[in-house]
Amino acid sequence: MAVPKKKTSKTKRNQRRAVWKRRAALEAEKALSLGKSVLTGRSTGFVYPIDEDDDEE
């Protein structure tokens, strides 16, 4: 069974977690921004289907 040769320091562990959390926060911010732009109808880089049946009724 494979085991690590040296113990990872707390600094390295905390740094890795901070990078992961920062990346997650940026992705969440992008998703929220995209959702807002879709709701306002000003999005240009996002394609989503529009039901044509609802317009005809």
Protein backbone atom coordinates (compact mmCIF):
# COMPACT_ATOMS: atom_id res chain seq x y z
CA MET A 1 0.00 0.00 0.00
CA ALA A 2 1.33 3.45 -0.93
CA VAL A 3 2.01 5.89 1.89
CA PRO A 4 3.41 9.43 1.80
CA LYS A 5 7.11 9.65 2.56
CA LYS A 6 6.89 12.89 4.52
CA LYS A 7 4.18 14.61 6.48
CA THR A 8 2.66 17.61 4.72
CA SER A 9 3.15 20.80 6.69
CA LYS A 10 0.19 22.80 7.96
CA THR A 11 1.28 25.71 5.81
CA LYS A 12 1.17 23.67 2.60
CA ARG A 13 -2.17 22.13 3.60
CA ASN A 14 -3.70 25.53 4.37
CA GLN A 15 -2.34 27.02 1.16
CA ARG A 16 -3.84 24.20 -0.91
CA ARG A 17 -7.22 24.62 0.79
CA ALA A 18 -7.14 28.39 0.30
CA VAL A 19 -6.52 27.94 -3.43
CA TRP A 20 -9.40 25.48 -3.69
CA LYS A 21 -11.79 27.77 -1.80
CA ARG A 22 -10.76 30.82 -3.86
CA ARG A 23 -11.36 28.91 -7.08
CA ALA A 24 -14.76 27.75 -5.84
CA ALA A 25 -15.72 31.31 -4.88
CA LEU A 26 -14.77 32.62 -8.33
CA GLU A 27 -16.82 29.92 -10.06
CA ALA A 28 -19.82 30.69 -7.84
CA GLU A 29 -19.52 34.38 -8.67
CA LYS A 30 -19.40 33.59 -12.41
CA ALA A 31 -22.46 31.34 -12.14
CA LEU A 32 -24.42 34.01 -10.29
CA SER A 33 -23.44 36.62 -12.87
CA LEU A 34 -24.50 34.35 -15.73
CA GLY A 35 -27.82 33.65 -14.03
CA LYS A 36 -28.49 37.36 -13.58
CA SER A 37 -27.67 38.12 -17.21
CA VAL A 38 -29.95 35.33 -18.44
CA LEU A 39 -32.82 36.64 -16.32
CA THR A 40 -32.39 40.19 -17.60
CA GLY A 41 -32.12 38.97 -21.20
CA ARG A 42 -28.80 40.71 -21.84
CA SER A 43 -26.67 37.59 -22.18
CA THR A 44 -24.88 37.08 -25.49
CA GLY A 45 -22.56 34.17 -24.75
CA PHE A 46 -25.13 31.76 -23.40
CA VAL A 47 -27.59 29.82 -25.57
CA TYR A 48 -30.65 28.24 -24.03
CA PRO A 49 -33.82 26.82 -25.58
CA ILE A 50 -36.93 28.97 -25.73
CA ASP A 51 -40.27 27.15 -25.77
CA GLU A 52 -42.16 28.39 -28.80
CA ASP A 53 -45.36 26.65 -27.65
CA ASP A 54 -45.72 29.09 -24.75
CA ASP A 55 -45.64 32.09 -27.08
CA GLU A 56 -48.41 30.77 -29.32
CA GLU A 57 -50.98 30.31 -26.56
